[in-house]
Amino acid sequence: MRRELVSEILFETAYLGFAFVLQSSLVSYMAIGPARPDLILGCTVYIALWRGPVHSTVAGFVAGLLQDLSFGGGLGLNSLCKSVTAFLVSHVSSRIFKERYWTQLVVLGCSVLVHDLLYFVFLHPGSVTAVGLSLVTISLGSALYTVLVFPAYDFVMRKLFFRREGVERETTVVPPQQ
């Protein structure tokens, strides 16, 4: 049990770390207007779908804090938004059929919108017009772009870490019923 937990944490660290490297180097060249995929948020959402609220909230906080320290902006703003989004996703995940691929994509897209709503509310306090305009001009495109790009990243990372035939990553925290 302990060894499995360590391997899960190592996978999630590499999962977020590689997304962080791609986000800081390659994603800026992939921008279509103001829209660009958020791989770090995608990793946080996928972790939140399969892990508990405490684990996913900590992952969101750490990922957001690293993003705040690296990319600038308001220190703590990304960490707050990512940890709240991860917490909400982890609570919703127990009430949905998350094993479906399309459900995961809908949750990912909605999570980008929730994250951006929180981000813009704190970035433009008191300005409903600026928040609404930012959601329409930036967030809708970013959510769609993230939903289109992130599954490829997730597929490649899982193939890199779980190459052996017949070995699949256990995606649930609760052991299967016998």
Protein backbone atom coordinates (compact mmCIF):
# COMPACT_ATOMS: atom_id res chain seq x y z
CA MET A 1 0.00 0.00 0.00
CA ARG A 2 2.74 2.46 0.94
CA ARG A 3 4.74 1.64 -2.18
CA GLU A 4 1.69 2.26 -4.37
CA LEU A 5 1.14 5.63 -2.70
CA VAL A 6 4.76 6.62 -3.30
CA SER A 7 4.54 5.59 -6.97
CA GLU A 8 1.29 7.58 -7.35
CA ILE A 9 2.90 10.67 -5.84
CA LEU A 10 5.98 10.27 -8.04
CA PHE A 11 3.77 9.92 -11.13
CA GLU A 12 1.75 13.00 -10.17
CA THR A 13 4.92 14.99 -9.52
CA ALA A 14 6.30 14.07 -12.94
CA TYR A 15 2.85 14.63 -14.48
CA LEU A 16 2.66 18.17 -13.10
CA GLY A 17 6.38 18.84 -13.61
CA PHE A 18 6.39 18.00 -17.29
CA ALA A 19 3.19 20.02 -17.78
CA PHE A 20 4.90 22.93 -16.04
CA VAL A 21 7.88 22.70 -18.40
CA LEU A 22 5.62 22.55 -21.46
CA GLN A 23 3.42 25.38 -20.15
CA SER A 24 6.42 27.65 -19.64
CA SER A 25 8.12 26.84 -22.94
CA LEU A 26 5.88 25.48 -25.69
CA VAL A 27 2.35 26.65 -24.89
CA SER A 28 3.10 30.32 -25.53
CA TYR A 29 3.79 29.40 -29.15
CA MET A 30 0.49 27.51 -29.38
CA ALA A 31 -1.66 30.54 -28.55
CA ILE A 32 -4.56 31.30 -30.85
CA GLY A 33 -5.32 34.90 -30.05
CA PRO A 34 -5.69 35.19 -26.29
CA ALA A 35 -6.60 31.49 -25.91
CA ARG A 36 -4.00 28.98 -24.83
CA PRO A 37 -4.32 25.59 -23.18
CA ASP A 38 -3.69 25.31 -19.45
CA LEU A 39 -1.85 22.01 -19.02
CA ILE A 40 -1.13 22.63 -15.35
CA LEU A 41 -4.82 23.08 -14.58
CA GLY A 42 -5.60 19.99 -16.68
CA CYS A 43 -3.23 17.92 -14.56
CA THR A 44 -4.73 19.31 -11.39
CA VAL A 45 -8.26 18.48 -12.59
CA TYR A 46 -7.34 14.93 -13.58
CA ILE A 47 -5.65 14.40 -10.20
CA ALA A 48 -8.76 15.78 -8.49
CA LEU A 49 -11.01 13.38 -10.41
CA TRP A 50 -9.22 10.32 -9.04
CA ARG A 51 -7.86 11.41 -5.66
CA GLY A 52 -9.46 12.75 -2.51
CA PRO A 53 -10.15 16.40 -1.74
CA VAL A 54 -7.14 16.88 0.52
CA HIS A 55 -4.64 15.39 -1.92
CA SER A 56 -6.06 17.26 -4.90
CA THR A 57 -6.28 20.57 -3.02
CA VAL A 58 -2.63 20.28 -2.01
CA ALA A 59 -1.68 19.41 -5.61
CA GLY A 60 -3.62 22.44 -6.86
CA PHE A 61 -2.03 24.71 -4.29
CA VAL A 62 1.52 23.57 -5.06
CA ALA A 63 0.98 23.73 -8.84
CA GLY A 64 -0.55 27.18 -8.56
CA LEU A 65 2.17 28.46 -6.25
CA LEU A 66 4.88 27.26 -8.64
CA GLN A 67 2.99 28.93 -11.48
CA ASP A 68 2.72 32.17 -9.49
CA LEU A 69 6.43 32.15 -8.67
CA SER A 70 7.46 31.41 -12.26
CA PHE A 71 5.07 33.42 -14.40
CA GLY A 72 4.54 36.43 -12.17
CA GLY A 73 1.25 38.14 -11.53
CA GLY A 74 -0.45 38.19 -8.16
CA LEU A 75 1.42 35.92 -5.77
CA GLY A 76 -1.00 33.33 -4.45
CA LEU A 77 -3.75 34.02 -6.98
CA ASN A 78 -3.14 30.92 -9.11
CA SER A 79 -2.60 28.78 -6.03
CA LEU A 80 -5.92 29.92 -4.56
CA CYS A 81 -7.83 29.41 -7.81
CA LYS A 82 -6.28 26.03 -8.59
CA SER A 83 -6.74 24.68 -5.07
CA VAL A 84 -10.40 25.79 -4.94
CA THR A 85 -11.02 24.33 -8.40
CA ALA A 86 -9.35 21.03 -7.43
CA PHE A 87 -11.38 20.87 -4.23
CA LEU A 88 -14.64 21.45 -6.13
CA VAL A 89 -13.77 18.86 -8.78
CA SER A 90 -12.87 16.25 -6.18
CA HIS A 91 -16.24 16.73 -4.48
CA VAL A 92 -18.16 16.63 -7.77
CA SER A 93 -16.25 13.54 -8.89
CA SER A 94 -17.94 11.36 -6.29
CA ARG A 95 -21.34 12.25 -7.78
CA ILE A 96 -20.63 11.73 -11.47
CA PHE A 97 -19.73 8.79 -13.67
CA LYS A 98 -16.10 9.86 -14.09
CA GLU A 99 -14.97 6.76 -15.93
CA ARG A 100 -16.56 8.06 -19.14
CA TYR A 101 -14.16 9.91 -21.39
CA TRP A 102 -16.72 12.57 -22.33
CA THR A 103 -17.55 13.22 -18.69
CA GLN A 104 -13.89 13.89 -17.99
CA LEU A 105 -13.74 16.35 -20.89
CA VAL A 106 -16.86 18.20 -19.72
CA VAL A 107 -15.47 18.40 -16.19
CA LEU A 108 -12.15 19.67 -17.58
CA GLY A 109 -13.84 22.38 -19.65
CA CYS A 110 -16.08 23.50 -16.79
CA SER A 111 -13.07 23.52 -14.45
CA VAL A 112 -11.19 25.89 -16.74
CA LEU A 113 -14.21 28.21 -16.71
CA VAL A 114 -14.54 28.04 -12.90
CA HIS A 115 -10.81 28.62 -12.45
CA ASP A 116 -10.84 31.60 -14.80
CA LEU A 117 -13.96 33.03 -13.18
CA LEU A 118 -12.24 32.94 -9.78
CA TYR A 119 -9.04 34.35 -11.27
CA PHE A 120 -10.75 37.26 -13.01
CA VAL A 121 -12.97 38.08 -10.02
CA PHE A 122 -9.85 38.50 -7.86
CA LEU A 123 -7.86 40.17 -10.65
CA HIS A 124 -10.60 42.75 -11.42
CA PRO A 125 -12.42 43.25 -8.10
CA GLY A 126 -15.67 45.12 -8.44
CA SER A 127 -15.63 45.24 -12.23
CA VAL A 128 -18.35 42.94 -13.52
CA THR A 129 -17.78 44.18 -17.07
CA ALA A 130 -14.07 43.30 -17.04
CA VAL A 131 -14.77 39.87 -15.56
CA GLY A 132 -17.50 39.14 -18.12
CA LEU A 133 -15.41 40.40 -21.02
CA SER A 134 -12.42 38.33 -19.89
CA LEU A 135 -14.57 35.22 -19.58
CA VAL A 136 -15.97 35.65 -23.07
CA THR A 137 -12.79 36.70 -24.87
CA ILE A 138 -10.22 34.52 -23.07
CA SER A 139 -11.83 31.75 -21.01
CA LEU A 140 -14.20 30.18 -23.54
CA GLY A 141 -11.39 29.74 -26.07
CA SER A 142 -8.96 28.54 -23.42
CA ALA A 143 -11.46 25.99 -22.11
CA LEU A 144 -12.07 24.60 -25.58
CA TYR A 145 -8.37 24.60 -26.39
CA THR A 146 -7.51 22.83 -23.11
CA VAL A 147 -10.19 20.20 -23.75
CA LEU A 148 -8.73 19.56 -27.21
CA VAL A 149 -5.02 19.52 -26.27
CA PHE A 150 -4.85 18.06 -22.76
CA PRO A 151 -6.09 14.51 -23.56
CA ALA A 152 -3.09 14.07 -25.89
CA TYR A 153 -0.74 15.12 -23.09
CA ASP A 154 -2.46 12.76 -20.66
CA PHE A 155 -2.25 9.88 -23.16
CA VAL A 156 1.47 10.41 -23.80
CA MET A 157 2.31 10.67 -20.09
CA ARG A 158 0.43 7.49 -19.25
CA LYS A 159 2.13 5.62 -22.10
CA LEU A 160 5.54 6.81 -20.91
CA PHE A 161 4.95 5.75 -17.31
CA PHE A 162 2.90 2.61 -17.86
CA ARG A 163 4.47 1.00 -20.93
CA ARG A 164 4.35 -2.65 -20.01
CA GLU A 165 1.53 -4.53 -21.62
CA GLY A 166 -1.11 -5.62 -19.15
CA VAL A 167 -0.09 -3.06 -16.53
CA GLU A 168 -2.69 -0.39 -16.09
CA ARG A 169 -2.66 2.38 -13.54
CA GLU A 170 -5.22 1.94 -10.79
CA THR A 171 -7.31 5.06 -11.12
CA THR A 172 -9.41 4.78 -8.01
CA VAL A 173 -8.44 5.35 -4.42
CA VAL A 174 -10.91 2.74 -3.15
CA PRO A 175 -9.92 -0.88 -3.93
CA PRO A 176 -12.31 -2.74 -6.24
CA GLN A 177 -15.10 -4.81 -4.70
CA GLN A 178 -14.68 -8.57 -4.90
